[in-house]
Amino acid sequence: MKQREGQLPCSQEKDNYSELFKEEGRRVTLSRETVKNEALPNGWRRVTLGQFGTFYKGRGITKADLVECGIPCLRYAEIYTKYDGAVNELSSSVSPDAATKATPIQSGDIIFAASGETAAEIGKAIAFVGQYPAVAGGDTVIFRDHGQEPAYLAHMLNSADAARQKARLGKGQSVVHIHVPELSQVEVPLPPLHEQRKIAEILATWDTAIEKTKALVEQYRTQKRGLMQKLLTGKWRIQTEDN
């Protein structure tokens, strides 16, 4: 077919359109980034985990591997039942042989529970801040080399916004899983490091107050149970005008 005067060859026309679409795509991306970051305080930025850290998969460790005294370890179920925020002491241990099959963890690591019963709870995170050798078992994901305040990240990754993202990214019905490709997409706001530390410090103060309150409530419950036992069995009698 004869090409009309002034008409671009098909291949050149496609290239021009391709460049146009690429440029428009760059503009849209920049626009989205601007909108996201405009909603944040000055000096804060919103980034995905995949942009500023490295992921490792936990492995090994069954209930049969647990011992009374050995190498401290973290099992995924314990992230849900035993720990919150920044964790210094791990309550479980495995033998040195079992530890070689697990994944070593370091102080500052963020550790996610990669399996859960519901989408709402999937991917709960803690920060390991212990200064001793320890390991993490299967169904955990370790986030390392992030260069941020670990306690801040742990709190932020359990916030309502992060929980919604993890619920959307998790997969499965009766048991929900979330893995490295999904976790790397989770976005978090990052203030300057000094501000992260202040935020973590304030939240730690409240965590301490909550734990003390829980201990006090449990103490009152114990006292109430003892009181009920004595009052309801007649061991203690209430003085009235009639007796």
Protein backbone atom coordinates (compact mmCIF):
# COMPACT_ATOMS: atom_id res chain seq x y z
CA MET A 1 0.00 0.00 0.00
CA LYS A 2 1.30 3.46 -0.94
CA GLN A 3 2.02 5.71 2.01
CA ARG A 4 0.26 9.08 1.92
CA GLU A 5 2.32 12.25 1.98
CA GLY A 6 2.91 13.48 5.54
CA GLN A 7 1.79 10.16 7.06
CA LEU A 8 4.18 8.50 9.51
CA PRO A 9 5.19 4.90 8.94
CA CYS A 10 3.20 2.49 11.18
CA SER A 11 6.25 1.49 13.24
CA GLN A 12 7.21 5.13 13.89
CA GLU A 13 3.62 6.00 14.78
CA LYS A 14 3.51 3.14 17.29
CA ASP A 15 6.80 4.28 18.81
CA ASN A 16 5.45 7.82 19.20
CA TYR A 17 2.28 6.54 20.90
CA SER A 18 4.36 4.27 23.11
CA GLU A 19 6.51 7.20 24.28
CA LEU A 20 3.37 9.27 24.86
CA PHE A 21 1.82 6.54 27.04
CA LYS A 22 5.07 6.09 28.97
CA GLU A 23 5.30 9.82 29.66
CA GLU A 24 1.66 9.91 30.76
CA GLY A 25 2.31 6.92 33.01
CA ARG A 26 5.25 8.74 34.61
CA ARG A 27 3.07 11.80 35.22
CA VAL A 28 0.31 9.69 36.83
CA THR A 29 2.84 7.92 39.08
CA LEU A 30 4.38 11.24 40.17
CA SER A 31 0.91 12.67 40.76
CA ARG A 32 -0.08 9.71 42.94
CA GLU A 33 3.14 9.97 44.96
CA THR A 34 2.51 13.70 45.47
CA VAL A 35 -1.07 13.10 46.65
CA LYS A 36 0.05 10.31 49.03
CA ASN A 37 2.82 12.35 50.59
CA GLU A 38 0.86 15.63 50.75
CA ALA A 39 -1.41 14.01 53.35
CA LEU A 40 1.60 13.33 55.60
CA PRO A 41 3.34 15.72 58.01
CA ASN A 42 6.36 17.58 56.69
CA GLY A 43 9.40 15.30 56.55
CA TRP A 44 7.36 12.09 56.49
CA ARG A 45 7.19 9.80 53.46
CA ARG A 46 5.10 6.77 52.52
CA VAL A 47 6.97 3.75 51.15
CA THR A 48 6.40 0.04 50.63
CA LEU A 49 8.37 -2.47 52.70
CA GLY A 50 9.95 -3.82 49.54
CA GLN A 51 11.62 -0.44 48.99
CA PHE A 52 13.70 -0.29 52.16
CA GLY A 53 14.37 -3.72 53.66
CA THR A 54 15.15 -7.39 53.04
CA PHE A 55 12.87 -10.36 53.70
CA TYR A 56 13.78 -13.84 54.95
CA LYS A 57 11.54 -16.86 55.52
CA GLY A 58 11.40 -18.58 58.90
CA ARG A 59 11.70 -22.36 58.88
CA GLY A 60 11.66 -25.45 61.08
CA ILE A 61 10.62 -25.76 64.75
CA THR A 62 7.75 -28.00 65.83
CA LYS A 63 6.30 -28.47 69.31
CA ALA A 64 8.40 -31.63 69.60
CA ASP A 65 11.56 -29.50 69.20
CA LEU A 66 10.83 -27.38 72.29
CA VAL A 67 13.02 -27.91 75.34
CA GLU A 68 13.17 -26.39 78.82
CA CYS A 69 16.59 -24.84 78.32
CA GLY A 70 18.26 -24.20 74.97
CA ILE A 71 18.41 -21.66 72.14
CA PRO A 72 15.62 -19.04 72.44
CA CYS A 73 13.09 -19.39 69.63
CA LEU A 74 9.99 -17.74 68.23
CA ARG A 75 7.05 -19.72 66.82
CA TYR A 76 4.44 -18.03 64.66
CA ALA A 77 1.53 -18.87 67.00
CA GLU A 78 3.33 -17.12 69.87
CA ILE A 79 3.29 -13.84 67.92
CA TYR A 80 -0.50 -13.93 68.32
CA THR A 81 -0.72 -15.27 71.86
CA LYS A 82 2.34 -14.08 73.79
CA TYR A 83 3.94 -10.98 72.33
CA ASP A 84 3.24 -7.38 71.33
CA GLY A 85 5.37 -4.50 70.07
CA ALA A 86 9.09 -4.70 70.90
CA VAL A 87 10.06 -8.06 72.43
CA ASN A 88 13.22 -8.57 74.45
CA GLU A 89 12.65 -11.94 76.13
CA LEU A 90 11.51 -15.06 74.25
CA SER A 91 9.80 -17.66 76.42
CA SER A 92 10.41 -20.78 74.27
CA SER A 93 13.63 -22.67 73.51
CA VAL A 94 14.83 -25.42 71.18
CA SER A 95 17.84 -27.70 71.29
CA PRO A 96 21.00 -26.60 69.46
CA ASP A 97 20.36 -29.34 66.85
CA ALA A 98 16.82 -28.09 66.17
CA ALA A 99 18.08 -24.50 66.03
CA THR A 100 20.31 -25.34 63.06
CA LYS A 101 17.15 -26.13 61.04
CA ALA A 102 15.50 -22.81 61.92
CA THR A 103 16.20 -19.25 60.69
CA PRO A 104 18.51 -17.10 62.87
CA ILE A 105 17.08 -13.74 63.93
CA GLN A 106 18.92 -10.57 64.92
CA SER A 107 18.16 -7.64 67.19
CA GLY A 108 16.07 -5.15 65.24
CA ASP A 109 14.34 -7.74 63.04
CA ILE A 110 10.62 -7.34 62.40
CA ILE A 111 8.94 -10.75 62.46
CA PHE A 112 5.51 -11.40 60.92
CA ALA A 113 3.13 -14.28 61.56
CA ALA A 114 2.59 -15.54 58.00
CA SER A 115 -0.42 -17.76 58.82
CA GLY A 116 -3.60 -17.02 60.72
CA GLU A 117 -7.23 -18.00 61.14
CA THR A 118 -8.71 -14.78 59.74
CA ALA A 119 -7.75 -12.10 57.23
CA ALA A 120 -8.24 -9.46 59.94
CA GLU A 121 -5.41 -10.84 62.09
CA ILE A 122 -3.01 -12.04 59.40
CA GLY A 123 0.55 -10.74 59.44
CA LYS A 124 0.75 -9.52 63.03
CA ALA A 125 4.27 -8.14 63.55
CA ILE A 126 6.67 -7.83 66.47
CA ALA A 127 10.14 -6.31 66.77
CA PHE A 128 12.79 -8.59 68.25
CA VAL A 129 15.18 -6.44 70.29
CA GLY A 130 17.01 -9.11 72.31
CA GLN A 131 20.81 -8.98 72.27
CA TYR A 132 21.38 -12.74 72.08
CA PRO A 133 21.27 -15.55 69.48
CA ALA A 134 17.73 -16.73 68.67
CA VAL A 135 15.83 -18.42 65.85
CA ALA A 136 12.40 -18.19 64.18
CA GLY A 137 10.33 -21.13 62.99
CA GLY A 138 8.11 -21.84 60.00
CA ASP A 139 5.17 -19.63 59.00
CA THR A 140 7.12 -16.53 59.97
CA VAL A 141 8.63 -13.85 57.75
CA ILE A 142 11.62 -11.79 58.92
CA PHE A 143 12.12 -8.19 57.75
CA ARG A 144 15.71 -6.96 58.16
CA ASP A 145 18.18 -4.24 57.07
CA HIS A 146 15.40 -1.64 57.19
CA GLY A 147 17.40 1.10 58.90
CA GLN A 148 14.39 2.24 60.94
CA GLU A 149 13.37 2.20 64.62
CA PRO A 150 12.18 -1.42 65.15
CA ALA A 151 9.58 -0.61 67.83
CA TYR A 152 8.05 2.12 65.63
CA LEU A 153 7.79 -0.29 62.68
CA ALA A 154 6.15 -2.97 64.84
CA HIS A 155 3.48 -0.54 66.04
CA MET A 156 2.94 0.91 62.56
CA LEU A 157 2.68 -2.54 60.95
CA ASN A 158 -0.09 -3.45 63.41
CA SER A 159 -2.01 -0.21 62.86
CA ALA A 160 -5.53 -0.23 61.38
CA ASP A 161 -4.23 0.97 58.00
CA ALA A 162 -1.56 -1.76 57.77
CA ALA A 163 -4.05 -4.41 58.96
CA ARG A 164 -6.44 -3.47 56.14
CA GLN A 165 -3.64 -3.80 53.60
CA LYS A 166 -2.55 -7.19 54.95
CA ALA A 167 -6.16 -8.43 55.02
CA ARG A 168 -6.55 -7.46 51.36
CA LEU A 169 -3.25 -9.08 50.37
CA GLY A 170 -3.66 -12.29 52.40
CA LYS A 171 -4.76 -15.48 50.64
CA GLY A 172 -6.90 -18.41 51.77
CA GLN A 173 -10.21 -19.11 53.49
CA SER A 174 -10.12 -21.46 56.50
CA VAL A 175 -6.43 -20.62 56.99
CA VAL A 176 -5.08 -17.31 55.68
CA HIS A 177 -1.47 -16.91 54.51
CA ILE A 178 0.63 -13.89 53.64
CA HIS A 179 4.07 -14.23 52.08
CA VAL A 180 7.01 -12.07 51.02
CA PRO A 181 5.54 -10.85 47.67
CA GLU A 182 2.43 -9.60 49.48
CA LEU A 183 4.21 -8.13 52.51
CA SER A 184 6.62 -6.25 50.24
CA GLN A 185 3.60 -4.29 48.92
CA VAL A 186 2.49 -3.02 52.36
CA GLU A 187 2.88 0.76 52.58
CA VAL A 188 3.91 2.52 55.78
CA PRO A 189 4.51 6.18 56.64
CA LEU A 190 8.09 6.84 57.77
CA PRO A 191 8.84 9.92 59.87
CA PRO A 192 12.47 10.99 60.45
CA LEU A 193 14.36 8.51 62.65
CA HIS A 194 14.45 10.78 65.73
CA GLU A 195 10.67 11.15 65.51
CA GLN A 196 10.19 7.40 65.15
CA ARG A 197 12.14 6.90 68.38
CA LYS A 198 10.02 9.44 70.28
CA ILE A 199 6.80 7.83 69.03
CA ALA A 200 8.07 4.38 70.07
CA GLU A 201 9.06 5.74 73.49
CA ILE A 202 5.61 7.24 74.12
CA LEU A 203 3.82 4.06 73.03
CA ALA A 204 6.14 1.95 75.21
CA THR A 205 5.12 4.06 78.23
CA TRP A 206 1.48 3.30 77.52
CA ASP A 207 2.24 -0.40 76.98
CA THR A 208 3.88 -0.50 80.41
CA ALA A 209 0.86 1.21 81.99
CA ILE A 210 -1.50 -1.25 80.29
CA GLU A 211 0.51 -4.25 81.52
CA LYS A 212 0.51 -2.88 85.08
CA THR A 213 -3.24 -2.31 84.88
CA LYS A 214 -3.78 -5.86 83.61
CA ALA A 215 -1.74 -7.22 86.52
CA LEU A 216 -3.78 -5.13 88.96
CA VAL A 217 -7.07 -6.30 87.43
CA GLU A 218 -5.91 -9.93 87.71
CA GLN A 219 -4.97 -9.33 91.35
CA TYR A 220 -8.47 -7.95 92.05
CA ARG A 221 -10.04 -10.94 90.27
CA THR A 222 -8.06 -13.33 92.46
CA GLN A 223 -9.14 -11.45 95.59
CA LYS A 224 -12.76 -11.50 94.39
CA ARG A 225 -12.66 -15.27 93.84
CA GLY A 226 -11.36 -15.77 97.36
CA LEU A 227 -14.03 -13.44 98.74
CA MET A 228 -16.79 -15.27 96.83
CA GLN A 229 -15.58 -18.62 98.19
CA LYS A 230 -15.84 -17.38 101.76
CA LEU A 231 -19.11 -15.47 101.39
CA LEU A 232 -20.99 -18.04 99.30
CA THR A 233 -20.05 -20.98 101.54
CA GLY A 234 -20.93 -19.19 104.75
CA LYS A 235 -17.35 -19.15 106.03
CA TRP A 236 -17.71 -15.41 106.37
CA ARG A 237 -20.99 -14.12 107.75
CA ILE A 238 -22.26 -10.61 107.24
CA GLN A 239 -23.26 -8.86 110.42
CA THR A 240 -26.83 -7.51 110.35
CA GLU A 241 -29.19 -6.20 113.01
CA ASP A 242 -30.74 -9.68 113.24
CA ASN A 243 -27.52 -11.56 114.11
